[in-house]
Amino acid sequence: MELRYKVRNPAYATMRDDIASALRQMPSHARTQTMEAKLSELGVIDHLDEPWGMSKQARASRFAL
């Protein structure tokens, strides 16, 4: 089993700020909903899953063969 951890996606904050500035005339609740929909449509997510390595159990079973 491989361990994973989440790291911040640097593109997320930039895209979110760009979209927010373009929608600044909208009410905040509508702006938030529109921003989240647009980020989702573009496939930009806040956190990325990154591999960290194999768990001790997986390494042990791998070498036991």
N, C-alpha and C. Protein backbone atom coordinates (compact mmCIF):
# COMPACT_ATOMS: atom_id res chain seq x y z
N MET A 1 0.84 -1.17 0.00
CA MET A 1 0.00 0.00 0.00
C MET A 1 0.90 1.24 0.00
N GLU A 2 0.59 2.16 -0.86
CA GLU A 2 1.37 3.39 -0.94
C GLU A 2 0.71 4.49 -0.11
N LEU A 3 1.49 5.17 0.68
CA LEU A 3 0.98 6.29 1.46
C LEU A 3 0.91 7.53 0.57
N ARG A 4 -0.10 8.35 0.83
CA ARG A 4 -0.26 9.57 0.04
C ARG A 4 -0.54 10.72 0.98
N TYR A 5 -0.25 11.91 0.55
CA TYR A 5 -0.57 13.10 1.34
C TYR A 5 -1.03 14.20 0.40
N LYS A 6 -1.72 15.17 0.96
CA LYS A 6 -2.26 16.26 0.15
C LYS A 6 -1.36 17.48 0.27
N VAL A 7 -1.11 18.10 -0.86
CA VAL A 7 -0.35 19.35 -0.90
C VAL A 7 -1.21 20.39 -1.62
N ARG A 8 -0.96 21.63 -1.30
CA ARG A 8 -1.68 22.72 -1.94
C ARG A 8 -1.33 22.79 -3.42
N ASN A 9 -2.33 23.05 -4.24
CA ASN A 9 -2.13 23.24 -5.66
C ASN A 9 -1.90 24.74 -5.88
N PRO A 10 -0.69 25.15 -6.29
CA PRO A 10 -0.42 26.58 -6.45
C PRO A 10 -1.29 27.24 -7.53
N ALA A 11 -1.73 26.49 -8.50
CA ALA A 11 -2.56 27.07 -9.56
C ALA A 11 -3.96 27.40 -9.05
N TYR A 12 -4.40 26.72 -7.99
CA TYR A 12 -5.75 26.92 -7.46
C TYR A 12 -5.96 28.35 -6.98
N ALA A 13 -5.04 28.83 -6.14
CA ALA A 13 -5.18 30.19 -5.59
C ALA A 13 -5.15 31.24 -6.69
N THR A 14 -4.29 31.07 -7.65
CA THR A 14 -4.18 32.02 -8.75
C THR A 14 -5.46 32.05 -9.57
N MET A 15 -5.95 30.87 -9.95
CA MET A 15 -7.18 30.80 -10.74
C MET A 15 -8.37 31.35 -9.96
N ARG A 16 -8.43 31.02 -8.68
CA ARG A 16 -9.53 31.49 -7.84
C ARG A 16 -9.53 33.01 -7.75
N ASP A 17 -8.35 33.60 -7.56
CA ASP A 17 -8.25 35.07 -7.50
C ASP A 17 -8.65 35.72 -8.82
N ASP A 18 -8.21 35.14 -9.93
CA ASP A 18 -8.55 35.67 -11.25
C ASP A 18 -10.06 35.64 -11.49
N ILE A 19 -10.67 34.52 -11.16
CA ILE A 19 -12.11 34.38 -11.35
C ILE A 19 -12.86 35.33 -10.42
N ALA A 20 -12.42 35.41 -9.16
CA ALA A 20 -13.08 36.30 -8.19
C ALA A 20 -13.03 37.75 -8.63
N SER A 21 -11.89 38.17 -9.17
CA SER A 21 -11.79 39.57 -9.60
C SER A 21 -12.69 39.84 -10.80
N ALA A 22 -12.88 38.84 -11.65
CA ALA A 22 -13.76 39.02 -12.81
C ALA A 22 -15.23 39.07 -12.39
N LEU A 23 -15.54 38.46 -11.25
CA LEU A 23 -16.93 38.39 -10.78
C LEU A 23 -17.22 39.33 -9.61
N ARG A 24 -16.38 40.30 -9.38
CA ARG A 24 -16.50 41.14 -8.18
C ARG A 24 -17.81 41.91 -8.08
N GLN A 25 -18.53 42.08 -9.17
CA GLN A 25 -19.80 42.81 -9.14
C GLN A 25 -20.95 41.95 -8.61
N MET A 26 -20.74 40.64 -8.54
CA MET A 26 -21.80 39.74 -8.09
C MET A 26 -21.88 39.72 -6.57
N PRO A 27 -23.05 39.39 -6.01
CA PRO A 27 -23.15 39.19 -4.56
C PRO A 27 -22.22 38.04 -4.14
N SER A 28 -21.74 38.08 -2.90
CA SER A 28 -20.71 37.13 -2.48
C SER A 28 -21.15 35.67 -2.60
N HIS A 29 -22.39 35.34 -2.24
CA HIS A 29 -22.83 33.94 -2.31
C HIS A 29 -22.88 33.46 -3.77
N ALA A 30 -23.34 34.30 -4.66
CA ALA A 30 -23.40 33.95 -6.08
C ALA A 30 -21.99 33.85 -6.66
N ARG A 31 -21.11 34.76 -6.23
CA ARG A 31 -19.72 34.75 -6.69
C ARG A 31 -19.03 33.45 -6.27
N THR A 32 -19.24 33.04 -5.02
CA THR A 32 -18.62 31.81 -4.52
C THR A 32 -19.12 30.59 -5.29
N GLN A 33 -20.42 30.51 -5.51
CA GLN A 33 -20.98 29.39 -6.26
C GLN A 33 -20.45 29.36 -7.69
N THR A 34 -20.40 30.50 -8.33
CA THR A 34 -19.92 30.59 -9.71
C THR A 34 -18.44 30.24 -9.78
N MET A 35 -17.66 30.73 -8.80
CA MET A 35 -16.22 30.44 -8.76
C MET A 35 -15.97 28.94 -8.63
N GLU A 36 -16.67 28.30 -7.69
CA GLU A 36 -16.48 26.87 -7.47
C GLU A 36 -16.89 26.07 -8.70
N ALA A 37 -17.96 26.48 -9.36
CA ALA A 37 -18.41 25.78 -10.57
C ALA A 37 -17.37 25.92 -11.69
N LYS A 38 -16.83 27.13 -11.84
CA LYS A 38 -15.84 27.36 -12.90
C LYS A 38 -14.55 26.59 -12.62
N LEU A 39 -14.08 26.59 -11.37
CA LEU A 39 -12.87 25.84 -11.02
C LEU A 39 -13.07 24.35 -11.26
N SER A 40 -14.25 23.86 -10.91
CA SER A 40 -14.57 22.45 -11.13
C SER A 40 -14.60 22.13 -12.62
N GLU A 41 -15.21 23.01 -13.39
CA GLU A 41 -15.29 22.85 -14.85
C GLU A 41 -13.89 22.80 -15.47
N LEU A 42 -12.99 23.63 -14.94
CA LEU A 42 -11.61 23.66 -15.45
C LEU A 42 -10.75 22.52 -14.91
N GLY A 43 -11.27 21.81 -13.90
CA GLY A 43 -10.53 20.71 -13.31
C GLY A 43 -9.44 21.15 -12.35
N VAL A 44 -9.55 22.38 -11.85
CA VAL A 44 -8.56 22.90 -10.91
C VAL A 44 -9.04 22.59 -9.50
N ILE A 45 -8.23 21.84 -8.74
CA ILE A 45 -8.61 21.46 -7.38
C ILE A 45 -7.66 22.09 -6.38
N ASP A 46 -8.12 22.24 -5.14
CA ASP A 46 -7.36 22.91 -4.09
C ASP A 46 -6.15 22.09 -3.66
N HIS A 47 -6.32 20.81 -3.48
CA HIS A 47 -5.23 19.95 -3.01
C HIS A 47 -4.93 18.86 -4.03
N LEU A 48 -3.69 18.50 -4.14
CA LEU A 48 -3.26 17.42 -5.00
C LEU A 48 -2.78 16.26 -4.14
N ASP A 49 -3.11 15.04 -4.54
CA ASP A 49 -2.59 13.86 -3.85
C ASP A 49 -1.20 13.59 -4.38
N GLU A 50 -0.25 13.49 -3.49
CA GLU A 50 1.12 13.20 -3.87
C GLU A 50 1.57 11.91 -3.20
N PRO A 51 2.30 11.06 -3.91
CA PRO A 51 2.80 9.84 -3.28
C PRO A 51 3.85 10.17 -2.24
N TRP A 52 3.85 9.43 -1.15
CA TRP A 52 4.82 9.65 -0.10
C TRP A 52 5.73 8.45 0.04
N GLY A 53 5.25 7.30 -0.31
CA GLY A 53 6.05 6.08 -0.24
C GLY A 53 5.19 4.92 0.20
N MET A 54 5.82 3.77 0.24
CA MET A 54 5.10 2.56 0.63
C MET A 54 5.04 2.47 2.15
N SER A 55 3.97 1.91 2.66
CA SER A 55 3.85 1.71 4.11
C SER A 55 4.80 0.59 4.53
N LYS A 56 5.11 0.54 5.82
CA LYS A 56 6.01 -0.50 6.33
C LYS A 56 5.43 -1.88 6.05
N GLN A 57 4.14 -2.03 6.19
CA GLN A 57 3.48 -3.31 5.97
C GLN A 57 3.65 -3.75 4.51
N ALA A 58 3.48 -2.82 3.57
CA ALA A 58 3.63 -3.16 2.16
C ALA A 58 5.06 -3.54 1.83
N ARG A 59 6.03 -2.81 2.42
CA ARG A 59 7.44 -3.15 2.17
C ARG A 59 7.78 -4.52 2.71
N ALA A 60 7.28 -4.83 3.91
CA ALA A 60 7.55 -6.11 4.54
C ALA A 60 6.98 -7.26 3.72
N SER A 61 5.73 -7.10 3.26
CA SER A 61 5.12 -8.17 2.48
C SER A 61 5.78 -8.30 1.11
N ARG A 62 6.27 -7.22 0.58
CA ARG A 62 6.95 -7.26 -0.72
C ARG A 62 8.25 -8.05 -0.64
N PHE A 63 8.99 -7.89 0.47
CA PHE A 63 10.26 -8.59 0.62
C PHE A 63 10.10 -9.99 1.19
N ALA A 64 8.91 -10.32 1.69
CA ALA A 64 8.66 -11.65 2.25
C ALA A 64 8.47 -12.68 1.15
N LEU A 65 8.19 -12.22 -0.06
CA LEU A 65 7.97 -13.16 -1.17
C LEU A 65 9.24 -13.77 -1.55
